[in-house]
Amino acid sequence: MADLMDPRRVVARRAENLSEARPYVRGWGQAKRAAEALAQQLRAAGLETDFPGLKADVSVFGDGLVCLGTLGPDAAELLARLVAVGLSAEMAERAAG
């Protein structure tokens, strides 16, 4: 069966059947740290309850994945705005420096 994912392995299948040849713990650990960092920022923005499905996972290839879970449209729109504001601020800093 062909792999159902993009070339960067972002949309990789979850690791339902683990293989001893893959470093799952490393990938999951990276995803766990990233999910915790995201959760901290979501709490700071008052969005903690809008992301109940936020969790770390790992793909069949051992790549860490951060799952956001099912989002309501308001939460998704606010997250998009926060990302846009952050990117704008970063671009302004680079232009000034």
Protein backbone atom coordinates (compact mmCIF):
# COMPACT_ATOMS: atom_id res chain seq x y z
CA MET A 1 0.00 0.00 0.00
CA ALA A 2 1.33 3.43 -0.92
CA ASP A 3 2.14 5.79 1.91
CA LEU A 4 -0.63 8.31 2.49
CA MET A 5 1.42 11.37 3.32
CA ASP A 6 3.12 14.39 1.87
CA PRO A 7 6.85 14.39 0.98
CA ARG A 8 7.79 16.18 4.23
CA ARG A 9 6.02 13.47 6.27
CA VAL A 10 3.75 16.00 7.94
CA VAL A 11 0.56 14.07 7.25
CA ALA A 12 2.04 10.70 8.14
CA ARG A 13 -0.13 7.86 9.36
CA ARG A 14 -0.15 7.31 13.11
CA ALA A 15 1.94 4.52 14.59
CA GLU A 16 -0.80 1.95 15.17
CA ASN A 17 1.61 -0.95 14.65
CA LEU A 18 4.96 -0.11 16.15
CA SER A 19 8.19 -1.47 14.72
CA GLU A 20 11.31 -2.12 16.78
CA ALA A 21 13.41 -0.60 13.98
CA ARG A 22 11.98 2.92 14.49
CA PRO A 23 13.05 5.48 17.13
CA TYR A 24 9.52 6.26 18.33
CA VAL A 25 10.51 7.58 21.74
CA ARG A 26 12.69 10.35 20.29
CA GLY A 27 9.97 11.51 17.88
CA TRP A 28 7.27 11.34 20.53
CA GLY A 29 9.48 13.24 22.99
CA GLN A 30 10.00 16.05 20.48
CA ALA A 31 6.27 16.18 19.81
CA LYS A 32 5.50 16.18 23.56
CA ARG A 33 7.79 19.16 24.16
CA ALA A 34 6.29 21.03 21.22
CA ALA A 35 2.72 20.25 22.31
CA GLU A 36 3.51 21.49 25.83
CA ALA A 37 5.02 24.72 24.45
CA LEU A 38 1.95 25.26 22.28
CA ALA A 39 -0.38 24.51 25.21
CA GLN A 40 1.45 27.12 27.29
CA GLN A 41 0.96 29.76 24.60
CA LEU A 42 -2.69 28.79 24.11
CA ARG A 43 -3.26 29.19 27.87
CA ALA A 44 -1.64 32.63 27.72
CA ALA A 45 -4.03 33.57 24.91
CA GLY A 46 -7.03 32.25 26.83
CA LEU A 47 -7.58 29.39 24.37
CA GLU A 48 -6.82 26.40 26.59
CA THR A 49 -10.37 25.04 26.49
CA ASP A 50 -10.62 25.47 22.70
CA PHE A 51 -7.98 22.77 22.07
CA PRO A 52 -9.06 19.76 24.17
CA GLY A 53 -7.53 17.34 21.67
CA LEU A 54 -4.02 18.83 21.76
CA LYS A 55 -1.56 15.96 22.22
CA ALA A 56 1.74 14.48 21.14
CA ASP A 57 1.78 11.51 18.81
CA VAL A 58 4.20 9.69 16.54
CA SER A 59 3.98 8.50 12.94
CA VAL A 60 4.75 5.04 11.64
CA PHE A 61 8.17 6.42 10.68
CA GLY A 62 8.98 7.61 14.20
CA ASP A 63 8.40 11.27 13.36
CA GLY A 64 6.84 13.29 16.14
CA LEU A 65 3.40 14.75 15.42
CA VAL A 66 1.46 17.39 17.31
CA CYS A 67 -2.26 16.77 16.99
CA LEU A 68 -4.55 19.73 17.55
CA GLY A 69 -7.72 17.66 17.61
CA THR A 70 -11.04 18.89 16.32
CA LEU A 71 -11.31 22.67 16.43
CA GLY A 72 -14.32 24.89 16.28
CA PRO A 73 -14.29 27.53 13.54
CA ASP A 74 -13.81 30.37 16.03
CA ALA A 75 -10.77 28.70 17.59
CA ALA A 76 -9.25 27.95 14.17
CA GLU A 77 -9.79 31.52 13.02
CA LEU A 78 -8.27 32.96 16.20
CA LEU A 79 -5.28 30.63 15.90
CA ALA A 80 -4.78 31.79 12.30
CA ARG A 81 -4.87 35.42 13.46
CA LEU A 82 -2.35 34.75 16.23
CA VAL A 83 0.01 33.08 13.76
CA ALA A 84 -0.37 36.00 11.33
CA VAL A 85 0.34 38.55 14.09
CA GLY A 86 3.41 36.59 15.19
CA LEU A 87 4.74 36.36 11.65
CA SER A 88 4.14 40.07 11.09
CA ALA A 89 6.03 40.92 14.27
CA GLU A 90 8.92 38.65 13.28
CA MET A 91 9.11 40.18 9.80
CA ALA A 92 9.09 43.70 11.29
CA GLU A 93 11.96 42.78 13.64
CA ARG A 94 14.02 41.41 10.74
CA ALA A 95 13.37 44.50 8.62
CA ALA A 96 14.38 46.80 11.48
CA GLY A 97 17.52 44.81 12.33
